[in-house]
N, C-alpha and C. Protein backbone atom coordinates (compact mmCIF):
# COMPACT_ATOMS: atom_id res chain seq x y z
N UNK A 1 59.78 95.81 19.73
CA UNK A 1 60.90 96.50 19.18
C UNK A 1 60.15 98.04 19.46
N UNK A 2 60.78 98.98 19.80
CA UNK A 2 60.31 100.36 20.14
C UNK A 2 60.57 101.63 18.67
N UNK A 3 59.94 102.19 19.01
CA UNK A 3 59.73 103.39 18.32
C UNK A 3 60.77 104.45 19.08
N UNK A 4 62.22 104.43 18.90
CA UNK A 4 62.97 105.18 20.04
C UNK A 4 63.21 106.61 19.30
N UNK A 5 63.57 107.65 20.12
CA UNK A 5 63.55 108.92 19.78
C UNK A 5 64.57 109.00 18.55
N UNK A 6 65.95 108.36 18.14
CA UNK A 6 66.49 108.51 16.82
C UNK A 6 65.89 108.00 15.71
N UNK A 7 64.88 106.90 16.15
CA UNK A 7 64.25 106.43 14.48
C UNK A 7 63.58 107.42 14.07
N UNK A 8 62.57 108.26 15.29
CA UNK A 8 61.62 109.58 14.88
C UNK A 8 62.23 110.19 14.41
N UNK A 9 63.50 110.48 14.93
CA UNK A 9 64.50 111.53 13.96
C UNK A 9 64.71 111.79 12.83
N UNK A 10 65.27 109.82 12.63
CA UNK A 10 65.67 109.89 11.40
C UNK A 10 64.67 110.00 10.13
N UNK A 11 63.43 109.12 10.82
CA UNK A 11 62.28 109.18 9.74
C UNK A 11 61.84 110.65 9.66
N UNK A 12 61.71 111.55 10.44
CA UNK A 12 61.24 112.85 10.07
C UNK A 12 62.53 113.71 9.23
N UNK A 13 63.77 112.84 9.55
CA UNK A 13 65.25 113.84 8.85
C UNK A 13 64.59 112.77 7.32
N UNK A 14 64.38 111.99 7.05
CA UNK A 14 64.24 111.30 5.63
C UNK A 14 63.32 112.27 4.65
N UNK A 15 62.23 112.34 5.72
CA UNK A 15 60.59 112.91 4.77
C UNK A 15 60.88 114.50 4.77
N UNK A 16 61.87 114.90 5.64
CA UNK A 16 62.13 116.51 5.11
C UNK A 16 63.29 116.51 4.10
N UNK A 17 64.10 115.34 3.87
CA UNK A 17 65.02 115.49 2.65
C UNK A 17 64.36 115.34 1.46
N UNK A 18 63.29 114.28 1.51
CA UNK A 18 62.24 113.84 0.28
C UNK A 18 61.58 114.98 -0.16
N UNK A 19 60.95 115.56 0.82
CA UNK A 19 60.09 116.67 0.36
C UNK A 19 60.48 118.08 -0.05
N UNK A 20 61.78 118.30 0.69
CA UNK A 20 62.61 119.52 -0.17
C UNK A 20 63.33 119.00 -1.24
N UNK A 21 63.59 117.88 -1.54
CA UNK A 21 64.38 117.52 -2.70
C UNK A 21 63.78 117.44 -4.12
N UNK A 22 62.03 117.10 -3.66
CA UNK A 22 61.28 117.19 -4.47
C UNK A 22 60.88 119.00 -4.76
N UNK A 23 61.00 119.25 -3.97
CA UNK A 23 61.01 120.96 -4.03
C UNK A 23 61.77 121.57 -4.82
N UNK A 24 63.15 121.44 -4.64
CA UNK A 24 64.50 121.76 -5.22
C UNK A 24 64.18 121.62 -7.00
N UNK A 25 63.95 119.93 -6.79
CA UNK A 25 63.56 119.55 -8.28
C UNK A 25 63.02 120.44 -8.84
N UNK A 26 61.66 120.66 -8.52
CA UNK A 26 60.71 121.25 -9.19
C UNK A 26 61.05 122.68 -9.47
N UNK A 27 61.76 123.35 -8.71
CA UNK A 27 62.62 124.99 -8.79
C UNK A 27 63.40 124.86 -10.14
N UNK A 28 64.48 123.71 -10.14
CA UNK A 28 65.26 123.92 -11.06
C UNK A 28 64.50 123.36 -12.62
N UNK A 29 63.50 122.75 -12.38
CA UNK A 29 62.60 122.15 -13.61
C UNK A 29 61.34 122.54 -13.93
N UNK A 30 61.57 123.54 -14.33
CA UNK A 30 59.82 124.53 -14.55
C UNK A 30 59.04 125.60 -13.45
N UNK A 31 59.94 125.23 -12.19
CA UNK A 31 58.95 126.18 -11.16
C UNK A 31 58.40 125.18 -10.31
N UNK A 32 58.15 125.87 -9.09
CA UNK A 32 57.43 124.93 -8.04
C UNK A 32 55.91 125.38 -8.08
N UNK A 33 55.34 124.09 -8.34
CA UNK A 33 54.03 123.72 -8.59
C UNK A 33 53.32 124.67 -7.43
N UNK A 34 51.89 125.27 -7.95
CA UNK A 34 50.90 125.40 -7.28
C UNK A 34 49.58 124.21 -7.55
N UNK A 35 49.14 123.58 -6.59
CA UNK A 35 47.79 122.83 -6.40
C UNK A 35 46.64 123.72 -6.31
N UNK A 36 45.75 123.38 -6.68
CA UNK A 36 44.40 124.09 -6.43
C UNK A 36 43.13 123.30 -5.46
N UNK A 37 42.90 123.90 -4.56
CA UNK A 37 41.70 123.15 -4.02
C UNK A 37 40.69 122.35 -4.84
N UNK A 38 40.18 121.45 -5.30
CA UNK A 38 39.25 120.61 -5.60
C UNK A 38 39.63 120.75 -7.01
N UNK A 39 40.74 121.03 -7.72
CA UNK A 39 41.42 121.01 -8.68
C UNK A 39 41.02 122.17 -9.55
N UNK A 40 40.61 123.22 -9.45
CA UNK A 40 40.06 124.48 -9.97
C UNK A 40 40.94 125.57 -9.77
N UNK A 41 41.26 126.11 -10.57
CA UNK A 41 41.98 127.54 -10.62
C UNK A 41 41.27 128.54 -10.33
N UNK A 42 40.23 128.43 -10.17
CA UNK A 42 39.37 129.83 -9.59
C UNK A 42 39.46 129.87 -7.65
N UNK A 43 39.92 128.41 -7.56
CA UNK A 43 39.78 128.59 -6.15
C UNK A 43 41.52 128.52 -5.46
N UNK A 44 41.76 129.08 -4.10
CA UNK A 44 42.98 129.41 -3.69
C UNK A 44 44.14 127.93 -3.73
N UNK A 45 45.20 128.66 -4.20
CA UNK A 45 46.48 127.54 -4.62
C UNK A 45 47.20 127.43 -3.31
N UNK A 46 48.00 126.54 -3.31
CA UNK A 46 48.83 126.10 -2.52
C UNK A 46 50.14 125.38 -2.83
N UNK A 47 51.34 126.30 -3.04
CA UNK A 47 52.16 125.89 -3.60
C UNK A 47 52.93 124.86 -2.66
N UNK A 48 53.86 124.06 -3.45
CA UNK A 48 54.82 122.81 -2.94
C UNK A 48 55.73 123.55 -1.62
N UNK A 49 56.19 124.44 -1.72
CA UNK A 49 56.99 125.03 -0.73
C UNK A 49 56.44 124.98 0.64
N UNK A 50 55.35 125.21 0.53
CA UNK A 50 54.28 125.47 1.83
C UNK A 50 54.26 124.09 3.00
N UNK A 51 54.68 123.07 2.19
CA UNK A 51 54.39 121.90 2.23
C UNK A 51 55.68 121.24 2.73
N UNK A 52 56.58 121.61 2.06
CA UNK A 52 57.95 121.36 2.77
C UNK A 52 57.95 121.92 4.16
N UNK A 53 57.71 123.08 4.73
CA UNK A 53 57.41 123.43 5.89
C UNK A 53 56.71 123.17 6.93
N UNK A 54 55.53 122.13 6.52
CA UNK A 54 54.33 121.38 7.18
C UNK A 54 54.92 120.07 7.34
N UNK A 55 55.21 119.31 6.58
CA UNK A 55 55.54 117.90 6.53
C UNK A 55 56.42 117.55 7.36
N UNK A 56 57.61 118.08 7.65
CA UNK A 56 58.03 117.69 8.61
C UNK A 56 57.70 117.73 10.25
N UNK A 57 56.83 118.80 10.48
CA UNK A 57 56.03 118.81 11.59
C UNK A 57 54.87 117.93 12.01
N UNK A 58 54.34 118.01 10.57
CA UNK A 58 53.34 116.90 10.86
C UNK A 58 53.68 115.39 10.82
N UNK A 59 54.80 115.32 10.08
CA UNK A 59 55.81 113.74 10.53
C UNK A 59 55.72 113.44 11.90
N UNK A 60 56.61 114.44 12.40
CA UNK A 60 57.13 114.44 13.85
C UNK A 60 56.16 114.32 14.73
N UNK A 61 54.73 114.82 14.68
CA UNK A 61 53.81 115.22 15.49
C UNK A 61 53.09 113.35 15.24
N UNK A 62 52.79 113.30 14.09
CA UNK A 62 52.35 111.53 14.30
C UNK A 62 53.24 110.54 14.31
N UNK A 63 54.45 110.52 14.44
CA UNK A 63 55.70 109.66 14.95
C UNK A 63 55.05 109.58 16.44
N UNK A 64 55.25 111.03 16.84
CA UNK A 64 55.07 110.96 18.53
C UNK A 64 54.08 110.57 19.21
N UNK A 65 53.01 110.73 18.32
CA UNK A 65 51.48 109.92 18.52
C UNK A 65 51.38 108.49 18.68
N UNK A 66 52.26 107.90 17.30
CA UNK A 66 52.87 106.57 17.30
C UNK A 66 53.18 105.78 18.41
N UNK A 67 54.60 106.65 18.76
CA UNK A 67 55.51 106.34 20.05
C UNK A 67 54.50 105.99 21.20
N UNK A 68 53.89 107.19 21.33
CA UNK A 68 52.84 107.38 22.74
C UNK A 68 51.83 106.16 22.83
N UNK A 69 51.44 105.71 21.72
CA UNK A 69 50.12 104.53 21.45
C UNK A 69 51.23 102.97 21.89
N UNK A 70 52.23 102.79 21.05
CA UNK A 70 53.03 101.64 20.95
C UNK A 70 53.81 101.37 22.36
N UNK A 71 54.44 102.60 22.95
CA UNK A 71 55.43 102.26 23.96
C UNK A 71 54.90 103.17 25.24
N UNK A 72 53.61 103.39 25.19
CA UNK A 72 53.47 104.03 26.33
C UNK A 72 53.23 103.02 27.58
N UNK A 73 53.27 103.49 29.03
CA UNK A 73 52.94 102.67 30.16
C UNK A 73 51.71 102.03 30.14
N UNK A 74 50.99 102.00 29.43
CA UNK A 74 49.93 100.92 29.32
C UNK A 74 50.49 99.57 29.15
N UNK A 75 49.85 98.42 29.15
CA UNK A 75 50.01 97.00 28.91
C UNK A 75 49.87 97.08 27.14
N UNK A 76 51.20 96.80 26.44
CA UNK A 76 50.73 96.58 24.85
C UNK A 76 50.07 95.59 24.78
N UNK A 77 49.12 96.20 23.62
CA UNK A 77 48.51 95.45 22.91
C UNK A 77 49.40 94.70 21.59
N UNK A 78 48.89 93.31 21.22
CA UNK A 78 49.54 92.49 20.35
C UNK A 78 49.92 93.18 19.19
N UNK A 79 48.53 93.72 18.77
CA UNK A 79 48.27 94.34 17.30
C UNK A 79 49.14 95.73 17.35
N UNK A 80 49.68 96.32 18.23
CA UNK A 80 50.23 97.50 18.36
C UNK A 80 51.57 97.25 18.64
N UNK A 81 52.29 96.35 17.63
CA UNK A 81 53.56 96.41 17.74
C UNK A 81 54.32 97.19 16.59
N UNK A 82 55.74 97.33 16.26
CA UNK A 82 55.83 98.26 15.62
C UNK A 82 55.80 97.59 14.33
N UNK A 83 56.11 96.78 14.49
CA UNK A 83 56.11 95.74 12.82
C UNK A 83 54.55 96.14 12.28
N UNK A 84 53.63 95.77 13.46
CA UNK A 84 52.24 96.41 12.53
C UNK A 84 52.18 97.52 11.97
N UNK A 85 52.75 98.49 12.80
CA UNK A 85 52.65 99.92 12.80
C UNK A 85 53.10 100.26 11.13
N UNK A 86 54.47 99.37 11.02
CA UNK A 86 55.19 99.75 9.84
C UNK A 86 54.25 99.14 8.40
N UNK A 87 54.01 98.17 8.69
CA UNK A 87 53.08 97.54 7.65
C UNK A 87 51.72 98.23 7.29
N UNK A 88 51.17 98.71 8.34
CA UNK A 88 49.90 99.69 7.78
C UNK A 88 50.42 100.88 7.46
N UNK A 89 51.64 100.99 7.76
CA UNK A 89 51.78 102.80 7.19
C UNK A 89 52.14 102.09 5.49
N UNK A 90 52.60 101.08 5.43
CA UNK A 90 53.31 101.09 3.85
C UNK A 90 52.12 100.78 3.76
N UNK A 91 51.26 99.83 3.66
CA UNK A 91 49.54 99.48 2.81
C UNK A 91 49.39 101.29 2.77
N UNK A 92 49.09 101.94 3.43
CA UNK A 92 48.62 103.09 3.53
C UNK A 92 49.39 104.13 2.21
N UNK A 93 50.28 103.59 2.21
CA UNK A 93 51.51 104.59 1.50
C UNK A 93 51.41 104.07 -0.23
N UNK A 94 51.08 102.68 -0.07
CA UNK A 94 50.89 102.05 -1.26
C UNK A 94 49.74 102.31 -2.15
N UNK A 95 48.50 102.51 -1.46
CA UNK A 95 47.24 102.82 -1.64
C UNK A 95 47.52 104.56 -2.26
N UNK A 96 47.81 105.38 -1.48
CA UNK A 96 48.13 106.47 -1.92
C UNK A 96 48.87 106.29 -2.82
N UNK A 97 50.03 106.08 -3.64
CA UNK A 97 50.89 105.57 -4.70
C UNK A 97 49.87 105.48 -5.96
N UNK A 98 49.55 104.17 -5.64
CA UNK A 98 48.31 103.99 -6.65
C UNK A 98 47.17 104.95 -7.22
N UNK A 99 46.35 105.61 -6.18
CA UNK A 99 45.72 106.51 -6.63
C UNK A 99 46.46 107.67 -7.23
N UNK A 100 47.54 108.14 -6.71
CA UNK A 100 48.09 109.42 -7.55
C UNK A 100 48.55 108.77 -8.96
N UNK A 101 48.96 107.27 -8.89
CA UNK A 101 49.30 106.91 -10.40
C UNK A 101 47.96 107.19 -11.45
N UNK A 102 46.85 106.40 -11.03
CA UNK A 102 45.54 106.57 -11.67
C UNK A 102 45.09 108.02 -11.79
N UNK A 103 45.36 109.31 -10.85
CA UNK A 103 44.91 110.26 -10.97
C UNK A 103 46.01 111.02 -12.60
N UNK A 104 47.18 110.62 -12.43
CA UNK A 104 48.32 111.23 -13.22
C UNK A 104 47.91 110.77 -14.45
N UNK A 105 47.55 109.57 -14.75
CA UNK A 105 47.26 109.14 -15.82
C UNK A 105 46.00 109.20 -16.17
N UNK A 106 44.99 109.48 -15.51
CA UNK A 106 43.46 110.03 -15.57
C UNK A 106 42.76 108.80 -15.76
N UNK A 107 43.14 107.59 -15.33
CA UNK A 107 42.59 106.41 -15.11
C UNK A 107 41.16 106.42 -13.98
N UNK A 108 39.93 106.14 -14.50
CA UNK A 108 39.17 106.42 -13.89
C UNK A 108 38.18 105.30 -12.88
N UNK A 109 39.28 104.93 -11.89
CA UNK A 109 38.64 104.02 -10.95
C UNK A 109 39.07 104.75 -9.30
N UNK A 110 39.41 105.63 -9.39
CA UNK A 110 39.83 106.34 -7.79
C UNK A 110 38.73 106.45 -7.40
N UNK A 111 37.48 106.52 -7.52
CA UNK A 111 36.60 106.72 -7.01
C UNK A 111 35.78 105.18 -6.55
N UNK A 112 35.94 104.02 -6.94
CA UNK A 112 35.98 102.80 -6.65
C UNK A 112 36.67 102.52 -5.45
N UNK A 113 38.13 102.92 -5.42
CA UNK A 113 38.88 102.57 -4.39
C UNK A 113 38.93 103.33 -3.21
N UNK A 114 38.32 104.87 -3.57
CA UNK A 114 37.93 105.48 -2.19
C UNK A 114 36.70 104.58 -1.95
N UNK A 115 35.94 104.37 -2.56
CA UNK A 115 34.62 103.87 -2.12
C UNK A 115 35.24 102.51 -0.97
N UNK A 116 36.11 101.98 -1.82
CA UNK A 116 36.31 100.49 -0.63
C UNK A 116 36.89 100.70 0.58
N UNK A 117 38.04 101.98 0.41
CA UNK A 117 38.31 102.19 1.71
C UNK A 117 37.33 102.78 2.47
N UNK A 118 36.49 103.74 2.26
CA UNK A 118 35.42 103.91 3.31
C UNK A 118 34.80 102.90 3.75
N UNK A 119 34.41 101.52 3.00
CA UNK A 119 33.62 100.59 3.56
C UNK A 119 34.72 100.35 4.46
N UNK A 120 36.19 100.06 4.19
CA UNK A 120 36.93 99.10 5.06
C UNK A 120 36.86 99.90 6.08
N UNK A 121 36.39 101.26 6.83
CA UNK A 121 36.99 101.96 7.59
C UNK A 121 35.79 101.48 9.43
N UNK A 122 34.51 100.92 8.21
CA UNK A 122 33.67 99.95 9.30
C UNK A 122 34.10 98.98 10.13
N UNK A 123 35.24 98.57 9.32
CA UNK A 123 36.23 97.30 9.80
C UNK A 123 37.27 97.47 10.52
N UNK A 124 38.18 98.09 10.12
CA UNK A 124 39.29 98.07 10.35
C UNK A 124 39.72 100.08 11.33
N UNK A 125 40.52 99.95 11.93
CA UNK A 125 40.64 101.51 12.42
C UNK A 125 41.70 102.02 11.43
N UNK A 126 40.93 102.47 10.54
CA UNK A 126 41.81 103.00 9.53
C UNK A 126 42.40 104.82 9.87
N UNK A 127 41.68 105.10 11.09
CA UNK A 127 41.94 106.42 11.68
C UNK A 127 43.35 106.40 12.26
N UNK A 128 44.26 105.63 12.22
CA UNK A 128 45.33 105.47 13.41
C UNK A 128 46.21 106.24 12.52
N UNK A 129 47.10 106.76 13.20
CA UNK A 129 48.55 107.83 12.71
C UNK A 129 49.19 107.05 11.55
N UNK A 130 49.62 105.94 11.58
CA UNK A 130 50.16 105.31 10.33
C UNK A 130 49.42 105.21 9.23
N UNK A 131 48.67 105.20 9.17
CA UNK A 131 47.62 105.23 7.87
C UNK A 131 47.76 106.79 7.65
N UNK A 132 47.38 107.68 8.42
CA UNK A 132 47.34 108.94 7.78
C UNK A 132 48.99 109.45 7.15
N UNK A 133 49.97 109.09 8.07
CA UNK A 133 51.15 109.42 7.64
C UNK A 133 51.44 108.83 6.22
N UNK A 134 51.12 107.41 6.04
CA UNK A 134 51.24 106.68 4.57
C UNK A 134 50.73 107.32 3.92
N UNK A 135 49.11 107.84 3.99
CA UNK A 135 48.83 108.61 2.63
C UNK A 135 49.15 109.67 2.61
N UNK A 136 49.85 110.73 3.63
CA UNK A 136 50.65 111.86 3.15
C UNK A 136 51.58 111.89 2.24
N UNK A 137 52.74 110.97 2.81
CA UNK A 137 53.78 110.55 2.24
C UNK A 137 53.70 110.15 0.87
N UNK A 138 52.76 108.96 0.77
CA UNK A 138 52.26 108.21 -0.56
C UNK A 138 52.04 109.40 -1.95
N UNK A 139 51.11 110.48 -1.16
CA UNK A 139 50.40 111.05 -2.31
C UNK A 139 51.11 112.56 -2.30
N UNK A 140 52.07 112.84 -1.37
CA UNK A 140 52.92 114.35 -1.85
C UNK A 140 53.75 114.86 -2.50
N UNK A 141 53.85 113.63 -3.38
CA UNK A 141 54.70 114.06 -4.92
C UNK A 141 53.93 114.56 -5.82
N UNK A 142 52.94 113.82 -5.68
CA UNK A 142 51.52 114.06 -6.98
C UNK A 142 50.92 115.45 -6.50
N UNK A 143 50.25 115.15 -5.17
CA UNK A 143 49.66 116.41 -5.12
C UNK A 143 50.03 117.60 -4.04
N UNK A 144 51.42 117.52 -3.63
CA UNK A 144 51.76 118.16 -2.91
C UNK A 144 51.75 117.60 -1.57
N UNK A 145 52.09 118.53 -0.38
CA UNK A 145 51.97 117.67 1.28
C UNK A 145 50.77 118.88 1.87
N UNK A 146 50.22 119.30 1.12
CA UNK A 146 48.98 120.40 2.22
C UNK A 146 47.60 119.72 1.56
N UNK A 147 47.53 119.30 0.50
CA UNK A 147 46.06 119.03 0.05
C UNK A 147 45.85 117.53 0.95
N UNK A 148 47.26 116.78 0.53
CA UNK A 148 46.92 114.97 1.34
C UNK A 148 46.61 115.09 2.89
N UNK A 149 47.16 116.21 3.43
CA UNK A 149 47.20 116.49 4.78
C UNK A 149 45.57 116.87 5.03
N UNK A 150 45.18 117.68 4.52
CA UNK A 150 43.71 117.98 4.79
C UNK A 150 43.04 117.14 4.68
N UNK A 151 43.18 116.63 3.39
CA UNK A 151 42.17 115.49 2.69
C UNK A 151 42.12 114.53 4.08
N UNK A 152 43.46 113.84 4.33
CA UNK A 152 43.70 113.30 5.03
C UNK A 152 43.14 113.01 6.62
N UNK A 153 43.15 114.41 6.96
CA UNK A 153 42.87 114.72 8.28
C UNK A 153 41.23 114.81 8.13
N UNK A 154 40.45 115.05 7.31
CA UNK A 154 38.99 114.58 7.04
C UNK A 154 38.60 113.60 6.91
N UNK A 155 39.82 112.65 6.01
CA UNK A 155 39.03 110.90 6.17
C UNK A 155 38.87 110.71 7.36
N UNK A 156 40.62 110.90 8.19
CA UNK A 156 40.82 110.42 9.56
C UNK A 156 39.40 110.64 10.46
N UNK A 157 38.78 112.04 10.43
CA UNK A 157 37.58 111.86 11.25
C UNK A 157 36.48 111.04 10.88
N UNK A 158 36.31 110.98 9.58
CA UNK A 158 35.21 110.22 9.24
C UNK A 158 35.19 108.50 9.63
N UNK A 159 36.91 108.34 8.83
CA UNK A 159 36.76 106.95 9.35
C UNK A 159 36.58 106.69 11.06
N UNK A 160 37.21 107.44 11.77
CA UNK A 160 36.97 107.40 13.26
C UNK A 160 35.45 107.11 13.73
N UNK A 161 34.46 108.02 13.09
CA UNK A 161 33.42 108.10 13.23
C UNK A 161 32.49 106.56 12.90
N UNK A 162 33.17 105.98 11.95
CA UNK A 162 32.53 104.76 10.96
C UNK A 162 33.05 103.52 11.99
N UNK A 163 34.16 103.86 12.39
CA UNK A 163 34.59 102.49 13.01
C UNK A 163 33.77 102.40 14.39
N UNK A 164 33.59 103.71 15.30
CA UNK A 164 33.20 103.57 16.39
C UNK A 164 31.63 103.27 16.39
N UNK A 165 31.03 103.75 15.65
CA UNK A 165 29.60 103.53 15.10
C UNK A 165 29.41 101.87 14.82
N UNK A 166 30.28 101.31 13.94
CA UNK A 166 30.30 100.07 13.84
C UNK A 166 30.39 99.17 14.90
N UNK A 167 31.36 99.35 15.80
CA UNK A 167 31.52 98.54 17.16
C UNK A 167 30.59 99.07 18.12
N UNK A 168 29.91 100.26 17.97
CA UNK A 168 28.39 100.55 18.91
C UNK A 168 27.35 99.48 18.48
N UNK A 169 27.62 99.54 17.09
CA UNK A 169 26.62 98.92 16.61
C UNK A 169 26.33 97.39 16.96
N UNK A 170 27.60 96.91 16.92
CA UNK A 170 27.99 95.35 17.14
C UNK A 170 27.89 95.35 18.55
N UNK A 171 28.55 95.86 19.44
CA UNK A 171 28.01 95.73 20.88
C UNK A 171 26.35 95.64 21.09
N UNK A 172 25.60 96.26 20.62
CA UNK A 172 24.47 96.19 20.83
C UNK A 172 23.78 95.32 20.57
N UNK A 173 24.43 95.08 19.41
CA UNK A 173 23.93 93.47 18.99
C UNK A 173 24.13 92.09 19.76
N UNK A 174 25.66 92.24 20.08
CA UNK A 174 25.86 91.44 20.88
C UNK A 174 25.01 91.17 22.35
N UNK A 175 24.84 92.57 22.94
CA UNK A 175 23.99 92.61 23.98
C UNK A 175 22.57 92.17 23.70
N UNK A 176 22.27 92.62 22.84
CA UNK A 176 20.69 91.73 22.59
C UNK A 176 20.80 90.47 22.51
N UNK A 177 21.78 89.75 22.02
CA UNK A 177 21.96 88.34 21.89
C UNK A 177 22.15 87.24 22.97
N UNK A 178 22.37 87.85 23.86
CA UNK A 178 22.96 87.49 25.16
C UNK A 178 21.58 87.64 26.09
């Protein structure tokens, strides 16, 4: 199954409607919140409406990257089907929602979840676009869109390094054994 243009447009439209629906709800129920870096009021604040402008473009960009990877001219890899992309997206979104809930209710397990994610980055390619999109969509309701985008991009860079380093070390060991 391919990630057709109509599907990409539809997904981007749904994300756009969700983020602007959330912003509209906030506007009429106490005002649009501002999120502060590192949860510190002394640092610059980022209003949620800014995420309403950025998230649709970010979604489109990531969907385009996914489309190029799974529908590109190269020979498709079995692990790069649309079904596996959707599963990865849903897993990342589920983790982000879980972390958001724990953050909201001040349950102190987020550090352990994040440590587990960083450990998994050595084994699985958590730097792929669908993981990042799932992270951002799953945490945008609690943290706005801008902070998850920035934090997610930073995590993706770290995950890429972790995964490539682990593969290089594994390759080195394999060459030494042979």
